[in-house]
Each structure stands twice: as structure tokens, then as C-alpha cells.
């Protein structure tokens, strides 16, 4: 669990390194999907599906603003389209 405020989270989301990492993760997910389609190894398929699941958990992390103080917010899995802490 990390503590960041809303402004820090927004800055992180817009940082070029975060954007590049997010793009790399999307590419790895697509590569894994292609490997699953071409695979005949159920064990390897399960590994790739787990990897895809884990990457999606990272991509779906969001800032939880349920705490009224907004200066001690949790980062947790959430809405699709955002990415998380690393």
C-alpha cells in the first residue's frame, strides 16, 4: 500500500515513463494472447493467462479517494483504463 495524494497520482499517470511502461505492458498482453492461440501446451497457456491477469491488475490500479483526508489515499485495483503502482 502506498500513500500518495491526488495531485501526485495525476502527475504519475501523465509521466512519460509511466506511459511507456503502460504501452509495454499492453504489448506483452497482446503477445501472450497470440502465444495462447498458437499453443498446444495447457500448462504454458495457464502461465500466460496468469501473466495476463497480473498485468491487468497493474493496469487497473487506481487511487482510492474514499478517505476524506485525501492526503493518505490507498492505491488499489479498480477501473479499467488506469494503471497502478510499480
PDB file of N, CA and C in Angstrom:
ATOM      1  N   UNK A   1       0.843  -1.170   0.000  1.00  0.00           N
ATOM      2  CA  UNK A   1       0.000   0.000   0.000  1.00  0.00           C
ATOM      3  C   UNK A   1       0.894   1.241   0.000  1.00  0.00           C
ATOM      4  N   UNK A   2       0.609   2.178  -0.868  1.00  0.00           N
ATOM      5  CA  UNK A   2       1.352   3.426  -0.958  1.00  0.00           C
ATOM      6  C   UNK A   2       0.460   4.591  -0.583  1.00  0.00           C
ATOM      7  N   UNK A   3       1.046   5.603  -0.030  1.00  0.00           N
ATOM      8  CA  UNK A   3       0.294   6.801   0.302  1.00  0.00           C
ATOM      9  C   UNK A   3       0.715   7.923  -0.633  1.00  0.00           C
ATOM     10  N   UNK A   4      -0.216   8.377  -1.431  1.00  0.00           N
ATOM     11  CA  UNK A   4       0.015   9.497  -2.337  1.00  0.00           C
ATOM     12  C   UNK A   4      -1.236  10.359  -2.339  1.00  0.00           C
ATOM     13  N   UNK A   5      -1.050  11.612  -2.687  1.00  0.00           N
ATOM     14  CA  UNK A   5      -2.224  12.465  -2.795  1.00  0.00           C
ATOM     15  C   UNK A   5      -2.686  12.503  -4.253  1.00  0.00           C
ATOM     16  N   UNK A   6      -3.825  13.104  -4.486  1.00  0.00           N
ATOM     17  CA  UNK A   6      -4.435  13.109  -5.812  1.00  0.00           C
ATOM     18  C   UNK A   6      -3.525  13.756  -6.850  1.00  0.00           C
ATOM     19  N   UNK A   7      -2.883  14.847  -6.500  1.00  0.00           N
ATOM     20  CA  UNK A   7      -2.004  15.545  -7.446  1.00  0.00           C
ATOM     21  C   UNK A   7      -0.807  14.679  -7.843  1.00  0.00           C
ATOM     22  N   UNK A   8      -0.225  13.972  -6.869  1.00  0.00           N
ATOM     23  CA  UNK A   8       0.893  13.076  -7.159  1.00  0.00           C
ATOM     24  C   UNK A   8       0.459  11.947  -8.084  1.00  0.00           C
ATOM     25  N   UNK A   9      -0.732  11.419  -7.852  1.00  0.00           N
ATOM     26  CA  UNK A   9      -1.241  10.328  -8.683  1.00  0.00           C
ATOM     27  C   UNK A   9      -1.425  10.789 -10.124  1.00  0.00           C
ATOM     28  N   UNK A  10      -2.013  11.959 -10.305  1.00  0.00           N
ATOM     29  CA  UNK A  10      -2.232  12.502 -11.651  1.00  0.00           C
ATOM     30  C   UNK A  10      -0.896  12.743 -12.340  1.00  0.00           C
ATOM     31  N   UNK A  11       0.062  13.304 -11.609  1.00  0.00           N
ATOM     32  CA  UNK A  11       1.396  13.540 -12.174  1.00  0.00           C
ATOM     33  C   UNK A  11       2.032  12.215 -12.608  1.00  0.00           C
ATOM     34  N   UNK A  12       1.885  11.205 -11.781  1.00  0.00           N
ATOM     35  CA  UNK A  12       2.434   9.876 -12.098  1.00  0.00           C
ATOM     36  C   UNK A  12       1.790   9.317 -13.373  1.00  0.00           C
ATOM     37  N   UNK A  13       0.483   9.450 -13.494  1.00  0.00           N
ATOM     38  CA  UNK A  13      -0.234   8.927 -14.656  1.00  0.00           C
ATOM     39  C   UNK A  13       0.204   9.598 -15.951  1.00  0.00           C
ATOM     40  N   UNK A  14       0.575  10.868 -15.873  1.00  0.00           N
ATOM     41  CA  UNK A  14       0.941  11.625 -17.068  1.00  0.00           C
ATOM     42  C   UNK A  14       2.435  11.605 -17.363  1.00  0.00           C
ATOM     43  N   UNK A  15       3.216  10.983 -16.508  1.00  0.00           N
ATOM     44  CA  UNK A  15       4.666  10.950 -16.695  1.00  0.00           C
ATOM     45  C   UNK A  15       5.024  10.071 -17.900  1.00  0.00           C
ATOM     46  N   UNK A  16       5.988  10.489 -18.714  1.00  0.00           N
ATOM     47  CA  UNK A  16       6.369   9.695 -19.900  1.00  0.00           C
ATOM     48  C   UNK A  16       6.819   8.274 -19.570  1.00  0.00           C
ATOM     49  N   UNK A  17       7.478   8.080 -18.451  1.00  0.00           N
ATOM     50  CA  UNK A  17       7.923   6.728 -18.082  1.00  0.00           C
ATOM     51  C   UNK A  17       6.718   5.839 -17.795  1.00  0.00           C
ATOM     52  N   UNK A  18       5.725   6.370 -17.096  1.00  0.00           N
ATOM     53  CA  UNK A  18       4.510   5.605 -16.805  1.00  0.00           C
ATOM     54  C   UNK A  18       3.786   5.257 -18.090  1.00  0.00           C
ATOM     55  N   UNK A  19       3.696   6.207 -18.993  1.00  0.00           N
ATOM     56  CA  UNK A  19       3.026   5.956 -20.280  1.00  0.00           C
ATOM     57  C   UNK A  19       3.773   4.893 -21.087  1.00  0.00           C
ATOM     58  N   UNK A  20       5.101   4.954 -21.091  1.00  0.00           N
ATOM     59  CA  UNK A  20       5.896   3.960 -21.823  1.00  0.00           C
ATOM     60  C   UNK A  20       5.742   2.577 -21.198  1.00  0.00           C
ATOM     61  N   UNK A  21       5.740   2.507 -19.882  1.00  0.00           N
ATOM     62  CA  UNK A  21       5.565   1.220 -19.206  1.00  0.00           C
ATOM     63  C   UNK A  21       4.190   0.642 -19.505  1.00  0.00           C
ATOM     64  N   UNK A  22       3.174   1.486 -19.462  1.00  0.00           N
ATOM     65  CA  UNK A  22       1.819   1.024 -19.760  1.00  0.00           C
ATOM     66  C   UNK A  22       1.750   0.463 -21.183  1.00  0.00           C
ATOM     67  N   UNK A  23       2.362   1.142 -22.145  1.00  0.00           N
ATOM     68  CA  UNK A  23       2.362   0.671 -23.526  1.00  0.00           C
ATOM     69  C   UNK A  23       3.090  -0.676 -23.639  1.00  0.00           C
ATOM     70  N   UNK A  24       4.201  -0.809 -22.934  1.00  0.00           N
ATOM     71  CA  UNK A  24       4.944  -2.074 -22.959  1.00  0.00           C
ATOM     72  C   UNK A  24       4.114  -3.213 -22.376  1.00  0.00           C
ATOM     73  N   UNK A  25       3.360  -2.928 -21.324  1.00  0.00           N
ATOM     74  CA  UNK A  25       2.507  -3.955 -20.723  1.00  0.00           C
ATOM     75  C   UNK A  25       1.409  -4.365 -21.691  1.00  0.00           C
ATOM     76  N   UNK A  26       0.774  -3.389 -22.348  1.00  0.00           N
ATOM     77  CA  UNK A  26      -0.253  -3.721 -23.343  1.00  0.00           C
ATOM     78  C   UNK A  26       0.325  -4.604 -24.451  1.00  0.00           C
ATOM     79  N   UNK A  27       1.536  -4.306 -24.891  1.00  0.00           N
ATOM     80  CA  UNK A  27       2.178  -5.112 -25.938  1.00  0.00           C
ATOM     81  C   UNK A  27       2.447  -6.530 -25.445  1.00  0.00           C
ATOM     82  N   UNK A  28       2.903  -6.676 -24.205  1.00  0.00           N
ATOM     83  CA  UNK A  28       3.155  -8.010 -23.646  1.00  0.00           C
ATOM     84  C   UNK A  28       1.867  -8.810 -23.535  1.00  0.00           C
ATOM     85  N   UNK A  29       0.776  -8.144 -23.184  1.00  0.00           N
ATOM     86  CA  UNK A  29      -0.520  -8.829 -23.103  1.00  0.00           C
ATOM     87  C   UNK A  29      -0.913  -9.346 -24.480  1.00  0.00           C
ATOM     88  N   UNK A  30      -0.773  -8.537 -25.496  1.00  0.00           N
ATOM     89  CA  UNK A  30      -1.129  -8.961 -26.856  1.00  0.00           C
ATOM     90  C   UNK A  30      -0.239 -10.105 -27.330  1.00  0.00           C
ATOM     91  N   UNK A  31       1.052 -10.044 -27.027  1.00  0.00           N
ATOM     92  CA  UNK A  31       1.963 -11.136 -27.382  1.00  0.00           C
ATOM     93  C   UNK A  31       1.548 -12.432 -26.685  1.00  0.00           C
ATOM     94  N   UNK A  32       1.180 -12.331 -25.420  1.00  0.00           N
ATOM     95  CA  UNK A  32       0.762 -13.523 -24.673  1.00  0.00           C
ATOM     96  C   UNK A  32      -0.519 -14.112 -25.257  1.00  0.00           C
ATOM     97  N   UNK A  33      -1.458 -13.252 -25.641  1.00  0.00           N
ATOM     98  CA  UNK A  33      -2.692 -13.743 -26.264  1.00  0.00           C
ATOM     99  C   UNK A  33      -2.383 -14.483 -27.562  1.00  0.00           C
ATOM    100  N   UNK A  34      -1.480 -13.933 -28.365  1.00  0.00           N
ATOM    101  CA  UNK A  34      -1.092 -14.595 -29.610  1.00  0.00           C
ATOM    102  C   UNK A  34      -0.444 -15.952 -29.331  1.00  0.00           C
ATOM    103  N   UNK A  35       0.378 -16.029 -28.284  1.00  0.00           N
ATOM    104  CA  UNK A  35       1.021 -17.292 -27.930  1.00  0.00           C
ATOM    105  C   UNK A  35      -0.004 -18.333 -27.485  1.00  0.00           C
ATOM    106  N   UNK A  36      -1.024 -17.894 -26.762  1.00  0.00           N
ATOM    107  CA  UNK A  36      -2.067 -18.826 -26.318  1.00  0.00           C
ATOM    108  C   UNK A  36      -2.799 -19.406 -27.516  1.00  0.00           C
ATOM    109  N   UNK A  37      -3.119 -18.567 -28.490  1.00  0.00           N
ATOM    110  CA  UNK A  37      -3.835 -19.021 -29.684  1.00  0.00           C
ATOM    111  C   UNK A  37      -3.006 -20.062 -30.437  1.00  0.00           C
ATOM    112  N   UNK A  38      -1.689 -19.853 -30.484  1.00  0.00           N
ATOM    113  CA  UNK A  38      -0.822 -20.745 -31.252  1.00  0.00           C
ATOM    114  C   UNK A  38      -0.329 -21.946 -30.444  1.00  0.00           C
ATOM    115  N   UNK A  39      -0.646 -22.007 -29.175  1.00  0.00           N
ATOM    116  CA  UNK A  39      -0.076 -23.021 -28.286  1.00  0.00           C
ATOM    117  C   UNK A  39      -0.890 -24.308 -28.256  1.00  0.00           C
ATOM    118  N   UNK A  40      -0.187 -25.390 -27.965  1.00  0.00           N
ATOM    119  CA  UNK A  40      -0.857 -26.666 -27.699  1.00  0.00           C
ATOM    120  C   UNK A  40      -0.438 -27.199 -26.326  1.00  0.00           C
ATOM    121  N   UNK A  41       0.132 -26.329 -25.483  1.00  0.00           N
ATOM    122  CA  UNK A  41       0.615 -26.713 -24.159  1.00  0.00           C
ATOM    123  C   UNK A  41      -0.265 -26.074 -23.085  1.00  0.00           C
ATOM    124  N   UNK A  42      -1.171 -26.849 -22.480  1.00  0.00           N
ATOM    125  CA  UNK A  42      -2.093 -26.298 -21.486  1.00  0.00           C
ATOM    126  C   UNK A  42      -1.380 -25.671 -20.279  1.00  0.00           C
ATOM    127  N   UNK A  43      -0.254 -26.241 -19.860  1.00  0.00           N
ATOM    128  CA  UNK A  43       0.472 -25.673 -18.715  1.00  0.00           C
ATOM    129  C   UNK A  43       1.017 -24.289 -19.052  1.00  0.00           C
ATOM    130  N   UNK A  44       1.586 -24.151 -20.224  1.00  0.00           N
ATOM    131  CA  UNK A  44       2.110 -22.848 -20.648  1.00  0.00           C
ATOM    132  C   UNK A  44       0.959 -21.855 -20.838  1.00  0.00           C
ATOM    133  N   UNK A  45      -0.157 -22.325 -21.357  1.00  0.00           N
ATOM    134  CA  UNK A  45      -1.335 -21.457 -21.516  1.00  0.00           C
ATOM    135  C   UNK A  45      -1.791 -20.901 -20.171  1.00  0.00           C
ATOM    136  N   UNK A  46      -1.815 -21.754 -19.150  1.00  0.00           N
ATOM    137  CA  UNK A  46      -2.215 -21.299 -17.811  1.00  0.00           C
ATOM    138  C   UNK A  46      -1.239 -20.254 -17.280  1.00  0.00           C
ATOM    139  N   UNK A  47       0.048 -20.472 -17.524  1.00  0.00           N
ATOM    140  CA  UNK A  47       1.054 -19.493 -17.115  1.00  0.00           C
ATOM    141  C   UNK A  47       0.796 -18.151 -17.793  1.00  0.00           C
ATOM    142  N   UNK A  48       0.572 -18.187 -19.110  1.00  0.00           N
ATOM    143  CA  UNK A  48       0.326 -16.949 -19.850  1.00  0.00           C
ATOM    144  C   UNK A  48      -0.956 -16.256 -19.386  1.00  0.00           C
ATOM    145  N   UNK A  49      -1.988 -17.034 -19.104  1.00  0.00           N
ATOM    146  CA  UNK A  49      -3.238 -16.438 -18.606  1.00  0.00           C
ATOM    147  C   UNK A  49      -3.013 -15.772 -17.248  1.00  0.00           C
ATOM    148  N   UNK A  50      -2.204 -16.389 -16.411  1.00  0.00           N
ATOM    149  CA  UNK A  50      -1.870 -15.771 -15.124  1.00  0.00           C
ATOM    150  C   UNK A  50      -1.079 -14.488 -15.301  1.00  0.00           C
ATOM    151  N   UNK A  51      -0.167 -14.497 -16.256  1.00  0.00           N
ATOM    152  CA  UNK A  51       0.616 -13.298 -16.543  1.00  0.00           C
ATOM    153  C   UNK A  51      -0.301 -12.174 -17.029  1.00  0.00           C
ATOM    154  N   UNK A  52      -1.233 -12.507 -17.925  1.00  0.00           N
ATOM    155  CA  UNK A  52      -2.183 -11.510 -18.425  1.00  0.00           C
ATOM    156  C   UNK A  52      -3.012 -10.959 -17.276  1.00  0.00           C
ATOM    157  N   UNK A  53      -3.480 -11.833 -16.402  1.00  0.00           N
ATOM    158  CA  UNK A  53      -4.263 -11.395 -15.251  1.00  0.00           C
ATOM    159  C   UNK A  53      -3.460 -10.420 -14.387  1.00  0.00           C
ATOM    160  N   UNK A  54      -2.203 -10.769 -14.110  1.00  0.00           N
ATOM    161  CA  UNK A  54      -1.355  -9.916 -13.267  1.00  0.00           C
ATOM    162  C   UNK A  54      -1.106  -8.556 -13.927  1.00  0.00           C
ATOM    163  N   UNK A  55      -0.826  -8.561 -15.228  1.00  0.00           N
ATOM    164  CA  UNK A  55      -0.626  -7.294 -15.933  1.00  0.00           C
ATOM    165  C   UNK A  55      -1.891  -6.438 -15.868  1.00  0.00           C
ATOM    166  N   UNK A  56      -3.048  -7.050 -16.019  1.00  0.00           N
ATOM    167  CA  UNK A  56      -4.298  -6.288 -15.940  1.00  0.00           C
ATOM    168  C   UNK A  56      -4.517  -5.713 -14.541  1.00  0.00           C
ATOM    169  N   UNK A  57      -4.115  -6.431 -13.514  1.00  0.00           N
ATOM    170  CA  UNK A  57      -4.218  -5.899 -12.153  1.00  0.00           C
ATOM    171  C   UNK A  57      -3.384  -4.623 -12.018  1.00  0.00           C
ATOM    172  N   UNK A  58      -2.196  -4.627 -12.604  1.00  0.00           N
ATOM    173  CA  UNK A  58      -1.348  -3.435 -12.563  1.00  0.00           C
ATOM    174  C   UNK A  58      -2.001  -2.299 -13.341  1.00  0.00           C
ATOM    175  N   UNK A  59      -2.498  -2.595 -14.524  1.00  0.00           N
ATOM    176  CA  UNK A  59      -3.108  -1.560 -15.360  1.00  0.00           C
ATOM    177  C   UNK A  59      -4.389  -0.995 -14.754  1.00  0.00           C
ATOM    178  N   UNK A  60      -5.081  -1.781 -13.955  1.00  0.00           N
ATOM    179  CA  UNK A  60      -6.364  -1.363 -13.398  1.00  0.00           C
ATOM    180  C   UNK A  60      -6.247  -0.723 -12.017  1.00  0.00           C
ATOM    181  N   UNK A  61      -5.036  -0.555 -11.523  1.00  0.00           N
ATOM    182  CA  UNK A  61      -4.871   0.080 -10.221  1.00  0.00           C
ATOM    183  C   UNK A  61      -5.341   1.528 -10.305  1.00  0.00           C
ATOM    184  N   UNK A  62      -5.903   2.000  -9.218  1.00  0.00           N
ATOM    185  CA  UNK A  62      -6.383   3.382  -9.192  1.00  0.00           C
ATOM    186  C   UNK A  62      -6.157   3.977  -7.820  1.00  0.00           C
ATOM    187  N   UNK A  63      -6.308   5.271  -7.736  1.00  0.00           N
ATOM    188  CA  UNK A  63      -6.217   5.965  -6.464  1.00  0.00           C
ATOM    189  C   UNK A  63      -7.568   5.895  -5.789  1.00  0.00           C
ATOM    190  N   UNK A  64      -7.607   5.361  -4.580  1.00  0.00           N
ATOM    191  CA  UNK A  64      -8.855   5.243  -3.832  1.00  0.00           C
ATOM    192  C   UNK A  64      -9.049   6.510  -3.008  1.00  0.00           C
ATOM    193  N   UNK A  65     -10.030   7.317  -3.387  1.00  0.00           N
ATOM    194  CA  UNK A  65     -10.283   8.581  -2.700  1.00  0.00           C
ATOM    195  C   UNK A  65     -11.408   8.469  -1.681  1.00  0.00           C
ATOM    196  N   UNK A  66     -11.612   7.278  -1.119  1.00  0.00           N
ATOM    197  CA  UNK A  66     -12.686   7.098  -0.145  1.00  0.00           C
ATOM    198  C   UNK A  66     -12.349   7.735   1.197  1.00  0.00           C
ATOM    199  N   UNK A  67     -11.062   7.902   1.489  1.00  0.00           N
ATOM    200  CA  UNK A  67     -10.638   8.550   2.722  1.00  0.00           C
ATOM    201  C   UNK A  67     -10.859  10.054   2.581  1.00  0.00           C
ATOM    202  N   UNK A  68     -11.535  10.652   3.536  1.00  0.00           N
ATOM    203  CA  UNK A  68     -11.874  12.065   3.446  1.00  0.00           C
ATOM    204  C   UNK A  68     -10.659  12.968   3.493  1.00  0.00           C
ATOM    205  N   UNK A  69      -9.556  12.534   4.075  1.00  0.00           N
ATOM    206  CA  UNK A  69      -8.395  13.401   4.231  1.00  0.00           C
ATOM    207  C   UNK A  69      -7.667  13.654   2.915  1.00  0.00           C
ATOM    208  N   UNK A  70      -7.804  12.811   1.932  1.00  0.00           N
ATOM    209  CA  UNK A  70      -7.181  12.880   0.607  1.00  0.00           C
ATOM    210  C   UNK A  70      -5.661  12.951   0.639  1.00  0.00           C
ATOM    211  N   UNK A  71      -5.021  13.096   1.800  1.00  0.00           N
ATOM    212  CA  UNK A  71      -3.571  13.100   1.831  1.00  0.00           C
ATOM    213  C   UNK A  71      -3.011  11.717   2.151  1.00  0.00           C
ATOM    214  N   UNK A  72      -3.860  10.791   2.580  1.00  0.00           N
ATOM    215  CA  UNK A  72      -3.451   9.415   2.845  1.00  0.00           C
ATOM    216  C   UNK A  72      -4.394   8.479   2.109  1.00  0.00           C
ATOM    217  N   UNK A  73      -4.205   8.355   0.815  1.00  0.00           N
ATOM    218  CA  UNK A  73      -5.077   7.523  -0.011  1.00  0.00           C
ATOM    219  C   UNK A  73      -4.371   6.248  -0.406  1.00  0.00           C
ATOM    220  N   UNK A  74      -5.153   5.177  -0.516  1.00  0.00           N
ATOM    221  CA  UNK A  74      -4.625   3.880  -0.909  1.00  0.00           C
ATOM    222  C   UNK A  74      -4.651   3.737  -2.419  1.00  0.00           C
ATOM    223  N   UNK A  75      -3.710   2.991  -2.938  1.00  0.00           N
ATOM    224  CA  UNK A  75      -3.728   2.602  -4.336  1.00  0.00           C
ATOM    225  C   UNK A  75      -4.227   1.171  -4.365  1.00  0.00           C
ATOM    226  N   UNK A  76      -5.294   0.922  -5.118  1.00  0.00           N
ATOM    227  CA  UNK A  76      -5.883  -0.414  -5.147  1.00  0.00           C
ATOM    228  C   UNK A  76      -6.431  -0.708  -6.534  1.00  0.00           C
ATOM    229  N   UNK A  77      -6.653  -1.998  -6.859  1.00  0.00           N
ATOM    230  CA  UNK A  77      -7.226  -2.333  -8.161  1.00  0.00           C
ATOM    231  C   UNK A  77      -8.560  -1.639  -8.351  1.00  0.00           C
ATOM    232  N   UNK A  78      -8.858  -1.264  -9.586  1.00  0.00           N
ATOM    233  CA  UNK A  78     -10.112  -0.554  -9.805  1.00  0.00           C
ATOM    234  C   UNK A  78     -10.493  -0.447 -11.255  1.00  0.00           C
ATOM    235  N   UNK A  79     -10.877   0.721 -11.670  1.00  0.00           N
ATOM    236  CA  UNK A  79     -11.411   0.953 -13.005  1.00  0.00           C
ATOM    237  C   UNK A  79     -10.406   0.628 -14.096  1.00  0.00           C
ATOM    238  N   UNK A  80     -10.879   0.029 -15.165  1.00  0.00           N
ATOM    239  CA  UNK A  80     -10.048  -0.263 -16.327  1.00  0.00           C
ATOM    240  C   UNK A  80      -9.664   1.036 -16.991  1.00  0.00           C
ATOM    241  N   UNK A  81      -8.461   1.069 -17.542  1.00  0.00           N
ATOM    242  CA  UNK A  81      -8.038   2.244 -18.250  1.00  0.00           C
ATOM    243  C   UNK A  81      -7.031   3.076 -17.477  1.00  0.00           C
ATOM    244  N   UNK A  82      -6.807   2.770 -16.210  1.00  0.00           N
ATOM    245  CA  UNK A  82      -5.765   3.443 -15.463  1.00  0.00           C
ATOM    246  C   UNK A  82      -4.696   2.422 -15.144  1.00  0.00           C
ATOM    247  N   UNK A  83      -3.571   2.901 -14.679  1.00  0.00           N
ATOM    248  CA  UNK A  83      -2.521   1.968 -14.316  1.00  0.00           C
ATOM    249  C   UNK A  83      -2.079   2.215 -12.903  1.00  0.00           C
ATOM    250  N   UNK A  84      -1.287   1.294 -12.372  1.00  0.00           N
ATOM    251  CA  UNK A  84      -1.016   1.340 -10.956  1.00  0.00           C
ATOM    252  C   UNK A  84       0.415   1.582 -10.558  1.00  0.00           C
ATOM    253  N   UNK A  85       0.678   1.305  -9.303  1.00  0.00           N
ATOM    254  CA  UNK A  85       1.995   1.480  -8.746  1.00  0.00           C
ATOM    255  C   UNK A  85       2.899   0.334  -9.157  1.00  0.00           C
ATOM    256  N   UNK A  86       4.190   0.569  -9.092  1.00  0.00           N
ATOM    257  CA  UNK A  86       5.146  -0.435  -9.550  1.00  0.00           C
ATOM    258  C   UNK A  86       6.140  -0.710  -8.470  1.00  0.00           C
TER     259      UNK A  86
END
